[in-house]
Amino acid sequence: MQQKTKNITREAAKTRLQINLEKTETMSMNKKQQKPITLGDKELKEVDSFTYLGRTGGSDDDI
């Protein structure tokens, strides 16, 4: 996942887009993820649930 985060950041920069580090969070569906995901030198916040388009989803929910 760390590599995918680096890739999306690099591709966004090509079009002069920046990822907002204050709003970016991670959520693991598989709790085997041990290392925190970073963007540059900042560790991204890990959450147990999120709201997207008015719907709340969680790491224990069925998808």
PDB file of N, CA and C in Angstrom:
ATOM      1  N   MET A   1       0.826  -1.185   0.000  1.00  0.00           N
ATOM      2  CA  MET A   1       0.000   0.000   0.000  1.00  0.00           C
ATOM      3  C   MET A   1       0.875   1.255   0.000  1.00  0.00           C
ATOM      4  N   GLN A   2       2.008   1.174   0.668  1.00  0.00           N
ATOM      5  CA  GLN A   2       2.918   2.318   0.701  1.00  0.00           C
ATOM      6  C   GLN A   2       3.369   2.682  -0.712  1.00  0.00           C
ATOM      7  N   GLN A   3       3.688   1.686  -1.518  1.00  0.00           N
ATOM      8  CA  GLN A   3       4.137   1.954  -2.889  1.00  0.00           C
ATOM      9  C   GLN A   3       3.020   2.581  -3.721  1.00  0.00           C
ATOM     10  N   LYS A   4       1.788   2.108  -3.538  1.00  0.00           N
ATOM     11  CA  LYS A   4       0.658   2.686  -4.270  1.00  0.00           C
ATOM     12  C   LYS A   4       0.450   4.149  -3.882  1.00  0.00           C
ATOM     13  N   THR A   5       0.665   4.464  -2.615  1.00  0.00           N
ATOM     14  CA  THR A   5       0.543   5.843  -2.147  1.00  0.00           C
ATOM     15  C   THR A   5       1.599   6.722  -2.807  1.00  0.00           C
ATOM     16  N   LYS A   6       2.819   6.224  -2.906  1.00  0.00           N
ATOM     17  CA  LYS A   6       3.881   6.973  -3.585  1.00  0.00           C
ATOM     18  C   LYS A   6       3.546   7.185  -5.060  1.00  0.00           C
ATOM     19  N   ASN A   7       3.016   6.133  -5.695  1.00  0.00           N
ATOM     20  CA  ASN A   7       2.684   6.223  -7.121  1.00  0.00           C
ATOM     21  C   ASN A   7       1.605   7.269  -7.391  1.00  0.00           C
ATOM     22  N   ILE A   8       0.543   7.272  -6.596  1.00  0.00           N
ATOM     23  CA  ILE A   8      -0.540   8.229  -6.827  1.00  0.00           C
ATOM     24  C   ILE A   8      -0.068   9.654  -6.576  1.00  0.00           C
ATOM     25  N   THR A   9       0.813   9.833  -5.603  1.00  0.00           N
ATOM     26  CA  THR A   9       1.369  11.159  -5.323  1.00  0.00           C
ATOM     27  C   THR A   9       2.210  11.641  -6.500  1.00  0.00           C
ATOM     28  N   ARG A  10       3.020  10.759  -7.052  1.00  0.00           N
ATOM     29  CA  ARG A  10       3.865  11.104  -8.197  1.00  0.00           C
ATOM     30  C   ARG A  10       3.015  11.448  -9.416  1.00  0.00           C
ATOM     31  N   GLU A  11       1.989  10.644  -9.696  1.00  0.00           N
ATOM     32  CA  GLU A  11       1.131  10.895 -10.856  1.00  0.00           C
ATOM     33  C   GLU A  11       0.338  12.186 -10.688  1.00  0.00           C
ATOM     34  N   ALA A  12      -0.131  12.459  -9.481  1.00  0.00           N
ATOM     35  CA  ALA A  12      -0.865  13.703  -9.227  1.00  0.00           C
ATOM     36  C   ALA A  12       0.037  14.911  -9.468  1.00  0.00           C
ATOM     37  N   ALA A  13       1.282  14.815  -9.062  1.00  0.00           N
ATOM     38  CA  ALA A  13       2.222  15.929  -9.221  1.00  0.00           C
ATOM     39  C   ALA A  13       2.465  16.256 -10.694  1.00  0.00           C
ATOM     40  N   LYS A  14       2.354  15.271 -11.564  1.00  0.00           N
ATOM     41  CA  LYS A  14       2.552  15.510 -13.001  1.00  0.00           C
ATOM     42  C   LYS A  14       1.530  16.493 -13.553  1.00  0.00           C
ATOM     43  N   THR A  15       0.365  16.544 -12.945  1.00  0.00           N
ATOM     44  CA  THR A  15      -0.679  17.472 -13.390  1.00  0.00           C
ATOM     45  C   THR A  15      -0.870  18.607 -12.387  1.00  0.00           C
ATOM     46  N   ARG A  16       0.145  18.806 -11.562  1.00  0.00           N
ATOM     47  CA  ARG A  16       0.179  19.870 -10.557  1.00  0.00           C
ATOM     48  C   ARG A  16      -0.925  19.755  -9.509  1.00  0.00           C
ATOM     49  N   LEU A  17      -1.332  18.528  -9.218  1.00  0.00           N
ATOM     50  CA  LEU A  17      -2.288  18.293  -8.137  1.00  0.00           C
ATOM     51  C   LEU A  17      -1.521  17.904  -6.884  1.00  0.00           C
ATOM     52  N   GLN A  18      -2.047  18.286  -5.732  1.00  0.00           N
ATOM     53  CA  GLN A  18      -1.430  17.921  -4.463  1.00  0.00           C
ATOM     54  C   GLN A  18      -2.440  17.178  -3.610  1.00  0.00           C
ATOM     55  N   ILE A  19      -1.982  16.179  -2.898  1.00  0.00           N
ATOM     56  CA  ILE A  19      -2.833  15.452  -1.963  1.00  0.00           C
ATOM     57  C   ILE A  19      -2.855  16.223  -0.653  1.00  0.00           C
ATOM     58  N   ASN A  20      -4.045  16.485  -0.147  1.00  0.00           N
ATOM     59  CA  ASN A  20      -4.204  17.223   1.103  1.00  0.00           C
ATOM     60  C   ASN A  20      -3.884  16.290   2.271  1.00  0.00           C
ATOM     61  N   LEU A  21      -2.733  16.492   2.893  1.00  0.00           N
ATOM     62  CA  LEU A  21      -2.288  15.613   3.974  1.00  0.00           C
ATOM     63  C   LEU A  21      -3.155  15.730   5.221  1.00  0.00           C
ATOM     64  N   GLU A  22      -3.808  16.858   5.406  1.00  0.00           N
ATOM     65  CA  GLU A  22      -4.656  17.044   6.587  1.00  0.00           C
ATOM     66  C   GLU A  22      -5.971  16.276   6.465  1.00  0.00           C
ATOM     67  N   LYS A  23      -6.418  16.031   5.233  1.00  0.00           N
ATOM     68  CA  LYS A  23      -7.696  15.353   5.026  1.00  0.00           C
ATOM     69  C   LYS A  23      -7.545  13.877   4.658  1.00  0.00           C
ATOM     70  N   THR A  24      -6.334  13.439   4.372  1.00  0.00           N
ATOM     71  CA  THR A  24      -6.116  12.079   3.912  1.00  0.00           C
ATOM     72  C   THR A  24      -5.989  11.126   5.091  1.00  0.00           C
ATOM     73  N   GLU A  25      -6.789  10.054   5.056  1.00  0.00           N
ATOM     74  CA  GLU A  25      -6.778   9.039   6.112  1.00  0.00           C
ATOM     75  C   GLU A  25      -6.716   7.668   5.460  1.00  0.00           C
ATOM     76  N   THR A  26      -6.320   6.669   6.224  1.00  0.00           N
ATOM     77  CA  THR A  26      -6.292   5.303   5.727  1.00  0.00           C
ATOM     78  C   THR A  26      -7.199   4.437   6.583  1.00  0.00           C
ATOM     79  N   MET A  27      -7.685   3.348   5.986  1.00  0.00           N
ATOM     80  CA  MET A  27      -8.475   2.374   6.721  1.00  0.00           C
ATOM     81  C   MET A  27      -8.109   0.999   6.193  1.00  0.00           C
ATOM     82  N   SER A  28      -7.741   0.100   7.071  1.00  0.00           N
ATOM     83  CA  SER A  28      -7.358  -1.249   6.672  1.00  0.00           C
ATOM     84  C   SER A  28      -8.541  -2.186   6.834  1.00  0.00           C
ATOM     85  N   MET A  29      -8.838  -2.926   5.783  1.00  0.00           N
ATOM     86  CA  MET A  29      -9.868  -3.958   5.872  1.00  0.00           C
ATOM     87  C   MET A  29      -9.261  -5.213   6.485  1.00  0.00           C
ATOM     88  N   ASN A  30      -7.973  -5.371   6.314  1.00  0.00           N
ATOM     89  CA  ASN A  30      -7.253  -6.519   6.842  1.00  0.00           C
ATOM     90  C   ASN A  30      -6.280  -5.982   7.879  1.00  0.00           C
ATOM     91  N   LYS A  31      -6.498  -6.283   9.119  1.00  0.00           N
ATOM     92  CA  LYS A  31      -5.701  -5.692  10.199  1.00  0.00           C
ATOM     93  C   LYS A  31      -4.261  -6.213  10.249  1.00  0.00           C
ATOM     94  N   LYS A  32      -3.843  -6.985   9.247  1.00  0.00           N
ATOM     95  CA  LYS A  32      -2.459  -7.451   9.200  1.00  0.00           C
ATOM     96  C   LYS A  32      -1.491  -6.319   8.864  1.00  0.00           C
ATOM     97  N   GLN A  33      -2.028  -5.212   8.346  1.00  0.00           N
ATOM     98  CA  GLN A  33      -1.189  -4.043   8.029  1.00  0.00           C
ATOM     99  C   GLN A  33      -0.557  -3.536   9.320  1.00  0.00           C
ATOM    100  N   GLN A  34       0.734  -3.636   9.457  1.00  0.00           N
ATOM    101  CA  GLN A  34       1.427  -3.243  10.673  1.00  0.00           C
ATOM    102  C   GLN A  34       2.090  -1.879  10.560  1.00  0.00           C
ATOM    103  N   LYS A  35       2.740  -1.633   9.435  1.00  0.00           N
ATOM    104  CA  LYS A  35       3.466  -0.373   9.280  1.00  0.00           C
ATOM    105  C   LYS A  35       2.503   0.733   8.881  1.00  0.00           C
ATOM    106  N   PRO A  36       2.617   1.895   9.523  1.00  0.00           N
ATOM    107  CA  PRO A  36       1.772   3.018   9.114  1.00  0.00           C
ATOM    108  C   PRO A  36       2.152   3.494   7.713  1.00  0.00           C
ATOM    109  N   ILE A  37       1.179   3.995   6.989  1.00  0.00           N
ATOM    110  CA  ILE A  37       1.416   4.508   5.643  1.00  0.00           C
ATOM    111  C   ILE A  37       1.811   5.971   5.754  1.00  0.00           C
ATOM    112  N   THR A  38       2.851   6.344   5.032  1.00  0.00           N
ATOM    113  CA  THR A  38       3.341   7.717   5.078  1.00  0.00           C
ATOM    114  C   THR A  38       3.239   8.358   3.698  1.00  0.00           C
ATOM    115  N   LEU A  39       3.175   9.663   3.721  1.00  0.00           N
ATOM    116  CA  LEU A  39       3.205  10.461   2.507  1.00  0.00           C
ATOM    117  C   LEU A  39       4.275  11.502   2.749  1.00  0.00           C
ATOM    118  N   GLY A  40       5.407  11.355   2.061  1.00  0.00           N
ATOM    119  CA  GLY A  40       6.570  12.177   2.393  1.00  0.00           C
ATOM    120  C   GLY A  40       7.056  11.761   3.772  1.00  0.00           C
ATOM    121  N   ASP A  41       7.177  12.717   4.671  1.00  0.00           N
ATOM    122  CA  ASP A  41       7.613  12.380   6.027  1.00  0.00           C
ATOM    123  C   ASP A  41       6.451  12.385   7.019  1.00  0.00           C
ATOM    124  N   LYS A  42       5.209  12.495   6.513  1.00  0.00           N
ATOM    125  CA  LYS A  42       4.036  12.551   7.383  1.00  0.00           C
ATOM    126  C   LYS A  42       3.317  11.202   7.407  1.00  0.00           C
ATOM    127  N   GLU A  43       3.028  10.727   8.606  1.00  0.00           N
ATOM    128  CA  GLU A  43       2.284   9.486   8.786  1.00  0.00           C
ATOM    129  C   GLU A  43       0.792   9.779   8.626  1.00  0.00           C
ATOM    130  N   LEU A  44       0.123   8.994   7.783  1.00  0.00           N
ATOM    131  CA  LEU A  44      -1.303   9.201   7.568  1.00  0.00           C
ATOM    132  C   LEU A  44      -2.103   8.589   8.712  1.00  0.00           C
ATOM    133  N   LYS A  45      -3.159   9.283   9.110  1.00  0.00           N
ATOM    134  CA  LYS A  45      -4.009   8.835  10.209  1.00  0.00           C
ATOM    135  C   LYS A  45      -4.783   7.590   9.783  1.00  0.00           C
ATOM    136  N   GLU A  46      -4.819   6.571  10.654  1.00  0.00           N
ATOM    137  CA  GLU A  46      -5.612   5.370  10.392  1.00  0.00           C
ATOM    138  C   GLU A  46      -6.925   5.473  11.157  1.00  0.00           C
ATOM    139  N   VAL A  47      -8.034   5.170  10.474  1.00  0.00           N
ATOM    140  CA  VAL A  47      -9.359   5.256  11.083  1.00  0.00           C
ATOM    141  C   VAL A  47     -10.058   3.900  10.986  1.00  0.00           C
ATOM    142  N   ASP A  48     -11.092   3.710  11.819  1.00  0.00           N
ATOM    143  CA  ASP A  48     -11.876   2.474  11.805  1.00  0.00           C
ATOM    144  C   ASP A  48     -13.131   2.592  10.949  1.00  0.00           C
ATOM    145  N   SER A  49     -13.539   3.841  10.635  1.00  0.00           N
ATOM    146  CA  SER A  49     -14.708   4.048   9.783  1.00  0.00           C
ATOM    147  C   SER A  49     -14.551   5.373   9.042  1.00  0.00           C
ATOM    148  N   PHE A  50     -15.388   5.565   8.016  1.00  0.00           N
ATOM    149  CA  PHE A  50     -15.343   6.794   7.233  1.00  0.00           C
ATOM    150  C   PHE A  50     -16.738   7.076   6.685  1.00  0.00           C
ATOM    151  N   THR A  51     -16.968   8.307   6.287  1.00  0.00           N
ATOM    152  CA  THR A  51     -18.224   8.684   5.644  1.00  0.00           C
ATOM    153  C   THR A  51     -17.904   9.136   4.228  1.00  0.00           C
ATOM    154  N   TYR A  52     -18.620   8.561   3.265  1.00  0.00           N
ATOM    155  CA  TYR A  52     -18.425   8.894   1.855  1.00  0.00           C
ATOM    156  C   TYR A  52     -19.799   9.038   1.215  1.00  0.00           C
ATOM    157  N   LEU A  53     -20.058  10.183   0.654  1.00  0.00           N
ATOM    158  CA  LEU A  53     -21.343  10.476   0.030  1.00  0.00           C
ATOM    159  C   LEU A  53     -22.502  10.191   0.983  1.00  0.00           C
ATOM    160  N   GLY A  54     -22.312  10.560   2.248  1.00  0.00           N
ATOM    161  CA  GLY A  54     -23.366  10.428   3.242  1.00  0.00           C
ATOM    162  C   GLY A  54     -23.528   9.047   3.842  1.00  0.00           C
ATOM    163  N   ARG A  55     -22.743   8.083   3.413  1.00  0.00           N
ATOM    164  CA  ARG A  55     -22.831   6.717   3.940  1.00  0.00           C
ATOM    165  C   ARG A  55     -21.594   6.432   4.773  1.00  0.00           C
ATOM    166  N   THR A  56     -21.797   5.761   5.916  1.00  0.00           N
ATOM    167  CA  THR A  56     -20.680   5.412   6.787  1.00  0.00           C
ATOM    168  C   THR A  56     -20.281   3.966   6.534  1.00  0.00           C
ATOM    169  N   GLY A  57     -18.983   3.740   6.396  1.00  0.00           N
ATOM    170  CA  GLY A  57     -18.437   2.399   6.224  1.00  0.00           C
ATOM    171  C   GLY A  57     -17.365   2.172   7.262  1.00  0.00           C
ATOM    172  N   GLY A  58     -17.176   0.916   7.629  1.00  0.00           N
ATOM    173  CA  GLY A  58     -16.172   0.616   8.636  1.00  0.00           C
ATOM    174  C   GLY A  58     -15.306  -0.554   8.232  1.00  0.00           C
ATOM    175  N   SER A  59     -14.212  -0.734   8.950  1.00  0.00           N
ATOM    176  CA  SER A  59     -13.263  -1.795   8.616  1.00  0.00           C
ATOM    177  C   SER A  59     -13.838  -3.180   8.872  1.00  0.00           C
ATOM    178  N   ASP A  60     -14.902  -3.279   9.666  1.00  0.00           N
ATOM    179  CA  ASP A  60     -15.524  -4.574   9.943  1.00  0.00           C
ATOM    180  C   ASP A  60     -16.763  -4.825   9.087  1.00  0.00           C
ATOM    181  N   ASP A  61     -17.141  -3.880   8.240  1.00  0.00           N
ATOM    182  CA  ASP A  61     -18.336  -4.015   7.410  1.00  0.00           C
ATOM    183  C   ASP A  61     -18.088  -4.951   6.241  1.00  0.00           C
ATOM    184  N   ASP A  62     -19.166  -5.559   5.750  1.00  0.00           N
ATOM    185  CA  ASP A  62     -19.097  -6.356   4.527  1.00  0.00           C
ATOM    186  C   ASP A  62     -19.094  -5.408   3.336  1.00  0.00           C
ATOM    187  N   ILE A  63     -18.321  -5.780   2.323  1.00  0.00           N
ATOM    188  CA  ILE A  63     -18.331  -4.960   1.111  1.00  0.00           C
ATOM    189  C   ILE A  63     -18.721  -5.812  -0.071  1.00  0.00           C
TER     190      ILE A  63
END
